[in-house]
Amino acid sequence: MFFKRSLTVGLLAVTLASAGSSVFADDYVIDTKGMHASIQFQVKHLGYSWLTGRFNDFSGQFSFDQANPSAAQIDVSIDTTSLDSNHAERDKHLRSDDFLSTGQFPEARFISTSAELDADGNGVIKGDFTLKGITRPIAITVTGIGAGNDPWGGYRRGFQGSTELKLQDFGIDYDLGPASTHAYLSLNIEGIRQ
């Protein structure tokens, strides 16, 4: 009986070890309720100035283990109808079929496929980004901001990320001039450990 129990415990330990330390990764929900997160964008307007804006509504979660940072994962959904460039008429145009077609495609999503991060969370996360119904691989440059206890008894971890999108890759070919072919996304993500 003792041998059988020891064998079972031993097999369980081997199974967990072979699964990797990601089994022990911390899971976080992005704090959009307290709005300690943001997703912003910028694109050149005719090559003369920067048009900036943000998406007000999004949600997501991520996992991170300092002992095995390459196992990090993130999944973020963006409500494209929440686009806000601080100009109502422009926002209406950006939501139209000339750009995001939010009536047909109200969600954009990023799902990571791999991570090349150090223990502090610095590096690159690669994954599939879907926008306007088109999915393409992208890479997000990531900087770990910090982690620790919050005043409400929880534990938080934050990252900053940035990426560049070629608009034509996602079916956006409205002519804003030759200097306006790419958009830049900036993500500030603070997660609450679950």
Protein backbone atom coordinates (compact mmCIF):
# COMPACT_ATOMS: atom_id res chain seq x y z
CA MET A 1 0.00 0.00 0.00
CA PHE A 2 2.80 2.38 0.93
CA PHE A 3 4.66 1.50 -2.27
CA LYS A 4 1.53 2.07 -4.38
CA ARG A 5 0.89 5.46 -2.76
CA SER A 6 4.55 6.49 -3.19
CA LEU A 7 4.44 5.45 -6.84
CA THR A 8 1.32 7.56 -7.41
CA VAL A 9 2.87 10.61 -5.74
CA GLY A 10 6.07 10.07 -7.72
CA LEU A 11 4.19 9.86 -11.02
CA LEU A 12 2.29 13.04 -10.17
CA ALA A 13 5.56 14.86 -9.44
CA VAL A 14 7.06 13.68 -12.74
CA THR A 15 3.94 14.75 -14.62
CA LEU A 16 4.04 18.23 -13.09
CA ALA A 17 7.75 18.57 -13.74
CA SER A 18 7.38 17.52 -17.37
CA ALA A 19 4.59 20.05 -17.82
CA GLY A 20 7.11 22.79 -17.03
CA SER A 21 7.05 25.55 -14.45
CA SER A 22 4.26 27.31 -16.37
CA VAL A 23 1.95 25.16 -14.21
CA PHE A 24 2.89 27.53 -11.41
CA ALA A 25 2.57 30.76 -13.41
CA ASP A 26 0.53 33.55 -11.87
CA ASP A 27 -2.65 34.46 -13.72
CA TYR A 28 -3.71 38.11 -13.94
CA VAL A 29 -6.80 39.95 -15.13
CA ILE A 30 -6.13 43.33 -16.74
CA ASP A 31 -7.49 46.06 -14.48
CA THR A 32 -9.90 47.81 -16.81
CA LYS A 33 -12.47 48.23 -14.03
CA GLY A 34 -10.14 50.65 -12.25
CA MET A 35 -8.77 51.78 -15.65
CA HIS A 36 -5.19 51.09 -14.66
CA ALA A 37 -4.57 50.13 -18.27
CA SER A 38 -4.76 51.81 -21.67
CA ILE A 39 -4.44 51.07 -25.37
CA GLN A 40 -3.46 54.07 -27.48
CA PHE A 41 -2.72 54.52 -31.16
CA GLN A 42 -1.04 57.07 -33.38
CA VAL A 43 -0.70 57.51 -37.11
CA LYS A 44 0.78 60.32 -39.17
CA HIS A 45 -1.73 62.62 -40.83
CA LEU A 46 -0.47 63.37 -44.36
CA GLY A 47 3.04 63.23 -42.96
CA TYR A 48 2.56 66.62 -41.29
CA SER A 49 1.45 65.74 -37.79
CA TRP A 50 0.49 62.85 -35.51
CA LEU A 51 -3.12 61.78 -35.06
CA THR A 52 -3.48 60.14 -31.67
CA GLY A 53 -6.31 58.32 -29.96
CA ARG A 54 -7.25 55.39 -27.79
CA PHE A 55 -9.68 52.51 -27.37
CA ASN A 56 -11.79 53.09 -24.29
CA ASP A 57 -13.12 49.54 -23.90
CA PHE A 58 -11.01 46.40 -23.84
CA SER A 59 -10.43 43.38 -21.64
CA GLY A 60 -7.95 40.60 -21.20
CA GLN A 61 -5.76 38.42 -19.05
CA PHE A 62 -2.17 37.27 -18.94
CA SER A 63 0.05 34.79 -17.12
CA PHE A 64 3.63 35.34 -16.05
CA ASP A 65 6.16 33.30 -14.09
CA GLN A 66 9.51 34.91 -13.26
CA ALA A 67 11.11 31.47 -13.10
CA ASN A 68 9.91 30.68 -16.63
CA PRO A 69 9.19 33.97 -18.43
CA SER A 70 9.20 32.32 -21.86
CA ALA A 71 5.93 30.61 -20.89
CA ALA A 72 4.15 33.99 -20.55
CA GLN A 73 0.81 34.30 -22.32
CA ILE A 74 -1.59 37.16 -23.02
CA ASP A 75 -5.05 37.44 -24.57
CA VAL A 76 -6.54 40.90 -25.16
CA SER A 77 -9.85 41.84 -26.83
CA ILE A 78 -10.49 45.41 -28.00
CA ASP A 79 -13.91 46.92 -28.67
CA THR A 80 -13.12 48.82 -31.88
CA THR A 81 -16.36 50.80 -31.60
CA SER A 82 -14.85 52.48 -28.52
CA LEU A 83 -12.24 54.27 -30.66
CA ASP A 84 -11.76 57.82 -29.37
CA SER A 85 -9.59 60.42 -31.10
CA ASN A 86 -11.25 63.34 -29.30
CA HIS A 87 -13.13 64.41 -32.44
CA ALA A 88 -16.63 63.02 -33.08
CA GLU A 89 -16.70 63.43 -36.87
CA ARG A 90 -13.24 61.94 -37.29
CA ASP A 91 -14.16 59.03 -35.01
CA LYS A 92 -17.21 58.36 -37.19
CA HIS A 93 -14.94 58.23 -40.25
CA LEU A 94 -12.38 55.98 -38.53
CA ARG A 95 -15.17 53.56 -37.58
CA SER A 96 -16.45 53.49 -41.17
CA ASP A 97 -15.58 51.03 -43.94
CA ASP A 98 -12.73 53.34 -45.01
CA PHE A 99 -10.85 52.24 -41.91
CA LEU A 100 -12.01 49.83 -39.18
CA SER A 101 -15.50 48.78 -40.39
CA THR A 102 -16.61 48.53 -36.77
CA GLY A 103 -20.21 47.74 -37.74
CA GLN A 104 -19.02 44.46 -39.26
CA PHE A 105 -15.92 43.91 -37.12
CA PRO A 106 -16.56 45.30 -33.62
CA GLU A 107 -13.67 43.41 -32.02
CA ALA A 108 -9.91 43.25 -32.47
CA ARG A 109 -7.94 40.60 -30.61
CA PHE A 110 -4.38 39.66 -29.79
CA ILE A 111 -3.50 36.12 -28.68
CA SER A 112 0.15 35.41 -27.93
CA THR A 113 1.91 32.43 -29.47
CA SER A 114 5.41 32.81 -27.97
CA ALA A 115 7.41 34.97 -25.59
CA GLU A 116 11.07 35.92 -25.41
CA LEU A 117 11.20 37.65 -22.04
CA ASP A 118 13.65 37.91 -19.17
CA ALA A 119 12.69 37.48 -15.51
CA ASP A 120 11.77 41.18 -15.28
CA GLY A 121 9.38 40.91 -18.22
CA ASN A 122 11.53 42.68 -20.81
CA GLY A 123 11.66 41.38 -24.36
CA VAL A 124 9.27 40.48 -27.15
CA ILE A 125 5.91 38.73 -27.25
CA LYS A 126 4.74 37.36 -30.60
CA GLY A 127 1.21 36.42 -31.48
CA ASP A 128 -1.76 36.66 -33.80
CA PHE A 129 -3.55 40.00 -34.09
CA THR A 130 -6.99 40.13 -35.68
CA LEU A 131 -8.28 43.46 -36.97
CA LYS A 132 -11.08 44.06 -39.46
CA GLY A 133 -11.51 40.29 -39.73
CA ILE A 134 -7.91 39.74 -40.85
CA THR A 135 -5.39 37.86 -38.70
CA ARG A 136 -1.67 38.51 -39.01
CA PRO A 137 1.35 37.67 -36.84
CA ILE A 138 2.81 40.66 -34.99
CA ALA A 139 5.54 41.24 -32.41
CA ILE A 140 5.11 43.46 -29.36
CA THR A 141 8.17 44.93 -27.67
CA VAL A 142 7.58 44.60 -23.92
CA THR A 143 9.02 46.35 -20.88
CA GLY A 144 8.26 45.10 -17.38
CA ILE A 145 7.26 48.04 -15.20
CA GLY A 146 7.00 46.39 -11.79
CA ALA A 147 5.09 44.11 -9.46
CA GLY A 148 4.01 44.04 -5.84
CA ASN A 149 1.24 44.28 -3.29
CA ASP A 150 -1.47 46.91 -3.65
CA PRO A 151 -3.24 48.81 -0.82
CA TRP A 152 -6.36 46.61 -1.13
CA GLY A 153 -4.78 43.26 -0.32
CA GLY A 154 -4.07 42.21 -3.88
CA TYR A 155 -0.96 41.72 -5.97
CA ARG A 156 -0.35 43.51 -9.26
CA ARG A 157 2.06 43.35 -12.17
CA GLY A 158 2.46 45.85 -14.98
CA PHE A 159 3.94 45.98 -18.46
CA GLN A 160 4.29 48.47 -21.28
CA GLY A 161 4.21 47.31 -24.88
CA SER A 162 4.45 48.80 -28.35
CA THR A 163 4.06 47.55 -31.89
CA GLU A 164 3.84 48.82 -35.45
CA LEU A 165 1.06 47.76 -37.83
CA LYS A 166 1.13 48.05 -41.61
CA LEU A 167 -2.41 49.23 -42.33
CA GLN A 168 -2.70 47.46 -45.67
CA ASP A 169 -1.99 44.14 -43.94
CA PHE A 170 -5.38 44.57 -42.26
CA GLY A 171 -7.34 45.75 -45.28
CA ILE A 172 -7.00 49.46 -44.56
CA ASP A 173 -5.84 51.24 -47.72
CA TYR A 174 -7.44 54.67 -47.39
CA ASP A 175 -4.94 57.19 -48.78
CA LEU A 176 -3.56 59.42 -46.04
CA GLY A 177 -0.32 60.03 -47.91
CA PRO A 178 2.89 58.01 -48.30
CA ALA A 179 4.02 58.80 -44.74
CA SER A 180 0.83 57.37 -43.23
CA THR A 181 1.00 53.69 -44.11
CA HIS A 182 1.59 52.44 -40.56
CA ALA A 183 -0.12 52.81 -37.20
CA TYR A 184 1.59 52.46 -33.84
CA LEU A 185 -0.05 50.88 -30.81
CA SER A 186 1.03 51.51 -27.24
CA LEU A 187 -0.27 49.31 -24.43
CA ASN A 188 -0.02 50.01 -20.71
CA ILE A 189 -1.20 46.89 -18.92
CA GLU A 190 -1.68 46.45 -15.18
CA GLY A 191 -2.99 43.08 -14.04
CA ILE A 192 -4.45 41.89 -10.76
CA ARG A 193 -3.29 38.43 -9.72
CA GLN A 194 -6.14 35.95 -9.38
